[in-house]
Amino acid sequence: MGILFLAGCSYLAYYLVNKPKEDNTNKKKLYKPVSVEQVENTNIPLIIKTNGIAEATKKFELFSEVEGVFEYSSKDYRTGQNFKKGQVLLKINADEFKANVISAKSDFFNLLVSIMPDIKLDFPNEFQNWQDYLETFEVEKSLKPLPEYSKQLKYFITGRNLLSSYFNIKNLETRLNKFVIRAPFDGILTEASINPGTLIRPGQKLGEFVDPSVYEVEIALQKAMISYVDINDTVVLKSLDGLSKIQGQVTRINSQIDQETQTIQVFVKTTDPKVKEGMYLQVEIAGQTVENAFALSRSLLQNETQVFVVKDTVLAYKTVRPVYFLEEKAIVKGLEDGDFIMTSNLSSAYPGMLVKTK
C-alpha cells in the first residue's frame, strides 16, 4: 500500500507539472453593446435664445431747475396719462420771477433812453435804427435782437454796460421759460411724484415721461456668439406666458466686452404696441449659419470638449469645439463626416473599451 501511495503521488505530480497550458488567445472577448450615430456635417441655422427687459428708447426724467408752486397741467398730472407733443406737462408759478424780469427790462429801457442823445450826436447814421427799436420796445414781451451797430458804436454801448444788460435779460428770459415744461413728443407719464399745489424746489424729481411707440431690449451675449449675430438680424420676442409673439430687429452691438461677465451688449428694437415699459421678454435671434457643424445631445460631451467615437469596436476620445449650446443640444465643430459617435450614456465608458454597435 505504501508503494502504491508513492506511485500515485508521483503520477499526480508528473501530471500537474506537464499539464498543457490553457490557450488564452481563444478565450471569448466581451463586447459592450452601444448605440452609435454617424456624423454628417451640415450648415446649421443658429437660433440664439436669451432674455431681457424692454425699455423705451425715448425716456427722460423730469426735474425742476427753478423754484415755485406747481400751478397747472393741460391734463391730470397722473401716472398713465397721455400727452401730445407741445402740451403743458406742468407749469410752475413764476409771478415773482416774471416781475424781476420786467424790472430788468425797465432798467434796460431807461439805459437805452439815456444814451440815445449821444448816439444821435456821435453816430447820426445809426440813430434811426435805434430810435425805431426804442419805439417798439415792450417790457411785457420777449426782448428783440439789438439793431446792427458799427465797431465804434459797439465800443460806446459796451462802455455804457448796454450789451451786458441785454444778455443778462436774455438769460433771465431763458430761465423764465423753464417754469413751463412741455411734452417733447407724444408720450405717457409713467411716473408722477408731485400734485398740484406742491412747492417745487430746484433739482426735485417731478416724474418720468416716455414714448411708448419704440422699445429696446438689451441682452448680453457671450463673445463667441457675436460673430454669428449682425445688425438687422430678425428677432422674435416672446412674453413669459408665451401668448405674445413680437417681431424685432438687432439695431446696435456694443464693441466693448464686460470684464466681469465676458459678455457683449446687443440691443433689439421693436415697435409692437403689445410691448410695455419694463416688460420681461424671451429673445430668439435668427443669427447667421454655422457652416460644417454637427448637433449632438449635450449629455454626450465629456469634459466639455470631448466625445466618444467608435473606431474598430474600440471607444476613443475625440476633441471637438462647441460653438453654441441649445436647451438640449450642442452645436460642435471638429467631427469628420463618417465618424461614429456613441449615443448611449454609459457611466462606465472609458477609452479603449470594447464595444459592439447596435
Protein backbone atom coordinates (compact mmCIF):
# COMPACT_ATOMS: atom_id res chain seq x y z
CA MET A 1 0.00 0.00 0.00
CA GLY A 2 2.87 2.36 0.72
CA ILE A 3 4.39 1.60 -2.64
CA LEU A 4 1.05 2.21 -4.37
CA PHE A 5 0.55 5.51 -2.49
CA LEU A 6 4.01 6.77 -3.50
CA ALA A 7 3.40 5.71 -7.07
CA GLY A 8 0.05 7.61 -7.15
CA CYS A 9 1.61 10.77 -5.74
CA SER A 10 4.42 10.59 -8.28
CA TYR A 11 1.94 10.27 -11.14
CA LEU A 12 -0.17 13.21 -9.88
CA ALA A 13 2.91 15.39 -9.56
CA TYR A 14 4.08 14.41 -13.04
CA TYR A 15 0.59 15.27 -14.45
CA LEU A 16 0.41 18.66 -12.80
CA VAL A 17 3.87 19.63 -13.96
CA ASN A 18 3.34 18.50 -17.52
CA LYS A 19 -0.32 19.62 -17.84
CA PRO A 20 -0.90 21.52 -21.14
CA LYS A 21 -1.28 25.31 -20.59
CA GLU A 22 -4.66 26.87 -21.44
CA ASP A 23 -4.63 28.92 -24.63
CA ASN A 24 -5.99 32.38 -23.62
CA THR A 25 -5.99 33.59 -27.18
CA ASN A 26 -9.04 31.51 -27.87
CA LYS A 27 -10.97 32.89 -24.89
CA LYS A 28 -14.08 34.74 -25.98
CA LYS A 29 -13.79 38.58 -25.75
CA LEU A 30 -16.57 40.63 -24.04
CA TYR A 31 -18.10 43.48 -26.10
CA LYS A 32 -20.42 46.12 -24.57
CA PRO A 33 -23.43 46.86 -26.81
CA VAL A 34 -23.78 50.61 -27.53
CA SER A 35 -25.82 52.84 -29.82
CA VAL A 36 -24.00 54.99 -32.35
CA GLU A 37 -24.80 57.74 -34.81
CA GLN A 38 -22.91 58.50 -37.97
CA VAL A 39 -21.72 62.09 -38.31
CA GLU A 40 -22.83 64.14 -41.29
CA ASN A 41 -21.73 67.77 -41.01
CA THR A 42 -24.17 70.35 -42.39
CA ASN A 43 -24.84 74.08 -42.33
CA ILE A 44 -26.96 74.74 -39.24
CA PRO A 45 -29.04 77.97 -38.93
CA LEU A 46 -28.28 79.38 -35.49
CA ILE A 47 -31.18 80.36 -33.19
CA ILE A 48 -29.77 82.24 -30.20
CA LYS A 49 -32.06 82.30 -27.15
CA THR A 50 -31.76 84.67 -24.21
CA ASN A 51 -33.91 87.19 -22.34
CA GLY A 52 -34.08 90.87 -21.46
CA ILE A 53 -36.26 93.76 -20.27
CA ALA A 54 -37.96 96.25 -22.61
CA GLU A 55 -37.15 99.93 -22.16
CA ALA A 56 -38.42 102.89 -24.17
CA THR A 57 -35.81 104.45 -26.43
CA LYS A 58 -37.25 107.91 -25.72
CA LYS A 59 -37.46 108.29 -21.99
CA PHE A 60 -36.49 111.14 -19.73
CA GLU A 61 -36.87 112.01 -16.09
CA LEU A 62 -38.49 115.32 -15.24
CA PHE A 63 -36.51 117.56 -12.90
CA SER A 64 -37.12 121.16 -11.91
CA GLU A 65 -34.47 123.82 -12.49
CA VAL A 66 -36.48 126.54 -10.78
CA GLU A 67 -38.47 127.04 -7.59
CA GLY A 68 -42.18 127.66 -7.25
CA VAL A 69 -45.62 126.15 -6.71
CA PHE A 70 -46.99 123.56 -9.16
CA GLU A 71 -49.84 125.54 -10.70
CA TYR A 72 -51.19 123.95 -13.87
CA SER A 73 -51.13 121.00 -16.25
CA SER A 74 -53.03 120.63 -19.53
CA LYS A 75 -54.28 117.24 -18.24
CA ASP A 76 -54.41 115.49 -14.90
CA TYR A 77 -50.82 115.03 -13.82
CA ARG A 78 -51.20 111.34 -13.04
CA THR A 79 -49.34 108.14 -13.88
CA GLY A 80 -50.52 106.67 -17.20
CA GLN A 81 -51.75 110.00 -18.59
CA ASN A 82 -51.19 110.62 -22.31
CA PHE A 83 -49.79 113.92 -23.57
CA LYS A 84 -49.40 115.16 -27.12
CA LYS A 85 -46.27 116.91 -28.30
CA GLY A 86 -46.26 120.53 -27.12
CA GLN A 87 -48.90 120.12 -24.41
CA VAL A 88 -48.06 121.53 -20.98
CA LEU A 89 -46.90 118.77 -18.67
CA LEU A 90 -46.68 121.16 -15.76
CA LYS A 91 -46.45 124.88 -15.11
CA ILE A 92 -44.74 126.36 -12.06
CA ASN A 93 -45.91 129.71 -10.71
CA ALA A 94 -43.45 132.33 -11.96
CA ASP A 95 -45.13 135.61 -10.91
CA GLU A 96 -42.24 136.73 -8.70
CA PHE A 97 -39.56 135.80 -11.20
CA LYS A 98 -41.51 137.38 -14.07
CA ALA A 99 -41.72 140.63 -12.10
CA ASN A 100 -37.93 140.60 -11.73
CA VAL A 101 -37.57 140.11 -15.48
CA ILE A 102 -39.89 143.05 -16.21
CA SER A 103 -37.95 145.18 -13.74
CA ALA A 104 -34.70 144.32 -15.51
CA LYS A 105 -36.25 145.19 -18.88
CA SER A 106 -37.41 148.53 -17.49
CA ASP A 107 -33.89 149.32 -16.31
CA PHE A 108 -32.59 148.36 -19.73
CA PHE A 109 -35.12 150.65 -21.39
CA ASN A 110 -34.05 153.55 -19.16
CA LEU A 111 -30.41 152.90 -20.00
CA LEU A 112 -31.24 152.84 -23.69
CA VAL A 113 -33.10 156.16 -23.44
CA SER A 114 -30.19 157.77 -21.62
CA ILE A 115 -27.69 157.02 -24.40
CA MET A 116 -29.91 157.99 -27.33
CA PRO A 117 -28.78 161.66 -27.37
CA ASP A 118 -25.15 160.56 -27.56
CA ILE A 119 -25.92 158.16 -30.38
CA LYS A 120 -27.75 160.91 -32.26
CA LEU A 121 -24.82 163.26 -31.82
CA ASP A 122 -21.88 160.90 -32.41
CA PHE A 123 -23.45 158.27 -34.68
CA PRO A 124 -26.14 160.03 -36.72
CA ASN A 125 -26.17 157.35 -39.44
CA GLU A 126 -27.21 154.66 -36.96
CA PHE A 127 -29.53 156.73 -34.83
CA GLN A 128 -32.75 155.97 -36.78
CA ASN A 129 -32.41 152.19 -36.34
CA TRP A 130 -32.00 152.59 -32.62
CA GLN A 131 -34.88 155.05 -32.47
CA ASP A 132 -37.17 152.52 -34.16
CA TYR A 133 -36.00 149.83 -31.71
CA LEU A 134 -36.78 152.13 -28.81
CA GLU A 135 -40.28 152.96 -30.07
CA THR A 136 -41.24 149.26 -30.48
CA PHE A 137 -39.77 148.23 -27.13
CA GLU A 138 -42.29 146.48 -24.80
CA VAL A 139 -41.33 145.25 -21.35
CA GLU A 140 -44.11 142.63 -21.35
CA LYS A 141 -42.80 140.86 -24.45
CA SER A 142 -39.61 139.00 -25.19
CA LEU A 143 -36.58 141.18 -25.80
CA LYS A 144 -35.93 141.68 -29.51
CA PRO A 145 -32.43 141.49 -31.03
CA LEU A 146 -30.49 144.73 -30.92
CA PRO A 147 -30.14 146.76 -34.13
CA GLU A 148 -26.98 146.35 -36.13
CA TYR A 149 -24.13 148.53 -34.92
CA SER A 150 -20.73 149.60 -36.18
CA LYS A 151 -17.48 148.81 -34.46
CA GLN A 152 -17.25 152.30 -32.96
CA LEU A 153 -20.81 152.17 -31.66
CA LYS A 154 -20.13 148.76 -30.19
CA TYR A 155 -17.34 150.21 -28.07
CA PHE A 156 -19.63 153.02 -26.98
CA ILE A 157 -22.61 150.85 -25.87
CA THR A 158 -20.25 148.35 -24.24
CA GLY A 159 -18.77 151.12 -22.16
CA ARG A 160 -22.28 152.07 -21.02
CA ASN A 161 -23.00 148.40 -19.99
CA LEU A 162 -25.80 148.15 -22.55
CA LEU A 163 -24.64 144.84 -24.01
CA SER A 164 -24.14 143.19 -20.60
CA SER A 165 -27.63 144.34 -19.53
CA TYR A 166 -29.12 142.98 -22.75
CA PHE A 167 -27.57 139.50 -22.37
CA ASN A 168 -28.46 139.37 -18.68
CA ILE A 169 -32.10 139.90 -19.63
CA LYS A 170 -31.90 137.20 -22.32
CA ASN A 171 -30.54 134.85 -19.67
CA LEU A 172 -33.45 135.72 -17.37
CA GLU A 173 -35.93 135.11 -20.20
CA THR A 174 -34.41 131.69 -20.86
CA ARG A 175 -34.77 130.83 -17.19
CA LEU A 176 -38.35 132.12 -17.20
CA ASN A 177 -39.22 129.59 -19.92
CA LYS A 178 -38.17 126.79 -17.56
CA PHE A 179 -41.20 127.44 -15.39
CA VAL A 180 -43.25 125.68 -18.09
CA ILE A 181 -42.38 122.11 -19.11
CA ARG A 182 -43.96 120.86 -22.34
CA ALA A 183 -44.11 117.37 -23.80
CA PRO A 184 -41.24 116.99 -26.31
CA PHE A 185 -43.10 114.20 -28.12
CA ASP A 186 -46.29 112.14 -27.92
CA GLY A 187 -45.93 110.01 -24.83
CA ILE A 188 -47.14 108.72 -21.48
CA LEU A 189 -46.39 109.90 -17.99
CA THR A 190 -45.11 106.69 -16.38
CA GLU A 191 -44.28 108.32 -13.06
CA ALA A 192 -45.76 111.36 -11.30
CA SER A 193 -44.21 112.30 -7.98
CA ILE A 194 -45.98 115.63 -7.26
CA ASN A 195 -49.50 117.04 -7.10
CA PRO A 196 -50.87 120.49 -7.98
CA GLY A 197 -50.14 122.97 -5.21
CA THR A 198 -46.86 121.29 -4.27
CA LEU A 199 -43.90 123.57 -3.63
CA ILE A 200 -41.20 122.58 -6.10
CA ARG A 201 -37.51 123.14 -5.42
CA PRO A 202 -34.58 123.15 -7.88
CA GLY A 203 -33.29 119.63 -8.55
CA GLN A 204 -36.50 117.95 -7.38
CA LYS A 205 -37.68 114.96 -9.43
CA LEU A 206 -41.14 115.57 -10.90
CA GLY A 207 -41.80 112.33 -12.78
CA GLU A 208 -40.89 110.29 -15.85
CA PHE A 209 -42.12 110.66 -19.44
CA VAL A 210 -41.70 108.02 -22.17
CA ASP A 211 -42.54 107.47 -25.81
CA PRO A 212 -44.46 104.14 -25.95
CA SER A 213 -44.02 103.62 -29.69
CA VAL A 214 -40.42 102.34 -29.77
CA TYR A 215 -38.75 99.99 -27.29
CA GLU A 216 -35.34 98.40 -26.97
CA VAL A 217 -34.40 95.15 -25.26
CA GLU A 218 -30.84 94.93 -24.01
CA ILE A 219 -29.35 91.43 -23.96
CA ALA A 220 -25.92 90.07 -23.11
CA LEU A 221 -24.29 87.51 -25.41
CA GLN A 222 -21.09 85.55 -24.94
CA LYS A 223 -18.27 87.00 -27.01
CA ALA A 224 -18.05 83.76 -29.03
CA MET A 225 -21.61 84.36 -30.29
CA ILE A 226 -21.05 87.86 -31.63
CA SER A 227 -19.55 86.57 -34.88
CA TYR A 228 -22.92 84.89 -35.61
CA VAL A 229 -25.05 87.99 -34.95
CA ASP A 230 -25.25 91.03 -37.20
CA ILE A 231 -27.11 94.32 -37.44
CA ASN A 232 -30.67 93.94 -38.85
CA ASP A 233 -30.91 90.24 -37.88
CA THR A 234 -34.51 89.15 -37.31
CA VAL A 235 -35.57 88.70 -33.70
CA VAL A 236 -38.63 87.01 -32.16
CA LEU A 237 -39.67 88.32 -28.75
CA LYS A 238 -41.96 86.25 -26.54
CA SER A 239 -43.74 87.10 -23.32
CA LEU A 240 -43.26 84.80 -20.34
CA ASP A 241 -46.74 83.32 -20.76
CA GLY A 242 -45.96 82.56 -24.41
CA LEU A 243 -49.16 84.24 -25.63
CA SER A 244 -47.47 87.19 -27.35
CA LYS A 245 -45.08 86.79 -30.28
CA ILE A 246 -43.41 90.05 -31.23
CA GLN A 247 -41.13 90.89 -34.13
CA GLY A 248 -37.91 92.80 -33.54
CA GLN A 249 -34.58 93.63 -35.11
CA VAL A 250 -30.97 93.91 -33.94
CA THR A 251 -30.08 97.61 -34.12
CA ARG A 252 -26.86 98.00 -32.13
CA ILE A 253 -23.95 95.83 -30.97
CA ASN A 254 -21.51 97.15 -28.41
CA SER A 255 -17.81 96.80 -29.20
CA GLN A 256 -16.76 96.61 -25.55
CA ILE A 257 -16.67 93.38 -23.55
CA ASP A 258 -17.90 93.39 -19.96
CA GLN A 259 -14.85 92.48 -17.87
CA GLU A 260 -16.83 90.69 -15.17
CA THR A 261 -19.18 88.56 -17.29
CA GLN A 262 -17.17 88.46 -20.57
CA THR A 263 -20.34 89.29 -22.48
CA ILE A 264 -21.21 91.92 -25.09
CA GLN A 265 -24.31 94.11 -25.11
CA VAL A 266 -26.72 93.68 -28.03
CA PHE A 267 -29.79 95.89 -28.46
CA VAL A 268 -33.02 94.72 -30.08
CA LYS A 269 -35.59 97.25 -31.32
CA THR A 270 -39.33 96.69 -31.62
CA THR A 271 -42.34 98.88 -32.37
CA ASP A 272 -45.03 96.35 -31.44
CA PRO A 273 -47.80 98.00 -29.37
CA LYS A 274 -48.03 94.92 -27.14
CA VAL A 275 -44.67 95.76 -25.57
CA LYS A 276 -44.73 97.81 -22.37
CA GLU A 277 -42.07 99.56 -20.33
CA GLY A 278 -40.28 97.09 -18.04
CA MET A 279 -41.76 94.01 -19.76
CA TYR A 280 -39.65 90.84 -19.37
CA LEU A 281 -39.19 89.13 -22.75
CA GLN A 282 -37.62 85.98 -24.10
CA VAL A 283 -35.44 86.73 -27.14
CA GLU A 284 -34.79 84.44 -30.09
CA ILE A 285 -32.33 85.77 -32.64
CA ALA A 286 -32.21 84.15 -36.06
CA GLY A 287 -28.45 84.53 -36.42
CA GLN A 288 -26.12 83.51 -39.19
CA THR A 289 -25.50 79.92 -40.32
CA VAL A 290 -22.83 77.78 -38.68
CA GLU A 291 -21.07 76.04 -41.55
CA ASN A 292 -19.77 72.44 -41.44
CA ALA A 293 -21.07 71.67 -37.94
CA PHE A 294 -22.93 68.86 -36.16
CA ALA A 295 -25.65 68.96 -33.48
CA LEU A 296 -25.49 66.36 -30.72
CA SER A 297 -27.01 65.87 -27.27
CA ARG A 298 -25.32 67.95 -24.57
CA SER A 299 -25.13 64.85 -22.35
CA LEU A 300 -22.67 63.25 -24.80
CA LEU A 301 -19.98 65.85 -24.16
CA GLN A 302 -17.19 64.58 -21.94
CA ASN A 303 -15.02 67.13 -20.14
CA GLU A 304 -16.92 69.82 -22.11
CA THR A 305 -14.76 69.38 -25.24
CA GLN A 306 -14.65 65.62 -25.94
CA VAL A 307 -16.98 62.93 -27.26
CA PHE A 308 -16.69 59.15 -27.53
CA VAL A 309 -16.24 57.78 -31.05
CA VAL A 310 -16.15 54.13 -32.08
CA LYS A 311 -13.10 53.03 -34.06
CA ASP A 312 -12.96 49.35 -34.99
CA THR A 313 -15.10 48.26 -31.98
CA VAL A 314 -12.96 50.35 -29.62
CA LEU A 315 -14.05 53.55 -27.83
CA ALA A 316 -11.81 56.58 -28.19
CA TYR A 317 -11.95 60.27 -27.25
CA LYS A 318 -12.20 62.92 -29.95
CA THR A 319 -11.80 66.62 -29.21
CA VAL A 320 -14.49 68.95 -30.54
CA ARG A 321 -15.13 72.70 -30.36
CA PRO A 322 -18.58 73.65 -29.03
CA VAL A 323 -19.95 76.61 -30.98
CA TYR A 324 -23.30 77.12 -29.27
CA PHE A 325 -25.43 75.41 -26.64
CA LEU A 326 -29.16 74.98 -27.09
CA GLU A 327 -31.50 73.71 -24.37
CA GLU A 328 -30.83 70.03 -25.14
CA LYS A 329 -28.24 70.03 -27.92
CA ALA A 330 -24.79 71.40 -28.55
CA ILE A 331 -23.55 72.56 -31.93
CA VAL A 332 -19.93 71.44 -32.34
CA LYS A 333 -17.15 71.51 -34.88
CA GLY A 334 -14.24 69.09 -35.22
CA LEU A 335 -16.04 65.88 -36.15
CA GLU A 336 -15.46 64.40 -39.60
CA ASP A 337 -18.10 63.03 -41.94
CA GLY A 338 -18.42 59.29 -41.37
CA ASP A 339 -17.32 59.31 -37.72
CA PHE A 340 -19.45 57.16 -35.43
CA ILE A 341 -20.21 58.83 -32.10
CA MET A 342 -21.54 56.81 -29.17
CA THR A 343 -25.06 57.97 -28.27
CA SER A 344 -25.50 55.63 -25.27
CA ASN A 345 -24.98 57.28 -21.90
CA LEU A 346 -22.62 54.80 -20.22
CA SER A 347 -21.19 55.93 -16.92
CA SER A 348 -18.64 53.14 -17.11
CA ALA A 349 -17.35 54.03 -20.57
CA TYR A 350 -13.61 54.63 -20.97
CA PRO A 351 -11.16 54.97 -23.87
CA GLY A 352 -10.11 51.54 -25.13
CA MET A 353 -13.33 49.87 -24.09
CA LEU A 354 -14.53 47.10 -26.45
CA VAL A 355 -18.00 47.81 -27.79
CA LYS A 356 -20.49 46.34 -30.19
CA THR A 357 -22.69 48.74 -32.13
CA LYS A 358 -26.42 48.25 -32.14
